[in-house]
């Protein structure tokens, strides 16, 4: 194999070939219910019930229903399994993770007003942490490509018209330096692929991290009728993705001697943000309450670090190349949220809560002072739609001080149409608790299931999607004391 050796003299400090896109915007906008074991076992349907630390991140008016000081701590165990099917071949992988669902303190200050007077009964404050999303997962996708397509076709399309010295060092440059693509004889600006038409393709992805939120909340109880609350939230994103994509020949390729190539991508994302949450709960009767909450958009300052590498195996030898270390700073604004709630108290023995949350995922925006994201934001607007998230849960005290709990939630499909037109998420939860006057122990379990299709690369190159089915389990234990 003949080839001109090119010394690349352009080092890209920032590269956007495979980062900061509409997928990232959705990932950090899709939050789930999390926090304490009691809250999770009732599917997070606490918008009109309150008096649980997790409500500081959903309806902060819930802080105003507290009558005592409280400190709570929630460790949890998370596991996720993904089953994949690509062109008739199946793959499966899973990952486990130990983390913290929530930890915090709530303080109550009574005003000691006369019962016959109207006015504020108490003022409450809260400080702590709630987990909002968990990114720990492993995916194993593999199968034959029956459409005669290869990732190298994308490299050829993007490289055509450019000399090898200016190729993207995170994509086409790697493919050129490892002989996956090469220039046509006599034309240094036109390329061809050394990958045969029939190959076996596979991709493994391991992700880790979470979205957690530090909360500072304040609220007040007016006449034991109206409960108001506000939260200043400081969410933080910690996300890492290690992906390995490979193609291998299923038969001897006598023309180029191609055997296989592998692309490895390592990306680490960190983000810090700020938002404001406002909420109210109104007690219509002793047995019925209604609630409402508004979450402002979250403004994130984001930072990505990434490095890619490619290796290839030909009958003539093995080749490898690594990109420079890339980094990029940008901003992300996630959509606002609106939550309406109804809660019922049954004979001081049971609770039923119902929440509906509205969010328009097309309102996510990515911006930067050094790069225009107009194309990405157009994709966000075109691909995503408003969705409704529904949560319902209940609790019943079977024998004092034991209570059983259960819940169900459905998080609506965020996609407008196309390959992921049915990507809603369903969660089934259950738990129990032991509560005395000055301490409590709660246990909860949440099973979440959903499916999404995934393209290994550009679908316009005749590649079929991978069908992924996700199933996650969370076990939570909350320990708390009241005083």
Foldseek 3Di string as FASTA:
>chain_A
DDADDDDAPDADQADDPPDDFLVVLVVVQDWAQFAAFQCVQQRNQCQQPAPGPSCLVPFQLSLAPDPFKKWKWKKKKKKKKKWWDFPHDIDIDMDIDIDTAKTKIKHKDAPPDDLVDWWWGIKMKMWIKGFTWWKFTKDKDKDKFPQLFDPVVVLQVVQAQHALNPDDLQHNVQCDQQQQKGADVPDRRHIDGPDGRIKMKIKMKGKGWGKMKIKIKMWTQTSVFKGKMKIKIKIKTWMKMWMKIKIADPDQDPPFQFGMKMKIKIKIKIKIWIKMKIKMKGDPDPFKIKMKMKIAWIKIWMKMWMKMKMWTQGPVGIGIDIGPIYMDIWMKTFWMKIKIKMKGQDPVFKIKIKMKMKTFRLPMDIGDPVDDCPVSSVVSNQFFGMWMKIKIKMWGCPDPPKIKIWIKIKTGQGTDDDQPPDWIKIKIKIWMKHDDDWWIKIKMKMKMKTKGWADPDDCVSVGDTMIMIMIMMMIMMMIMTTD
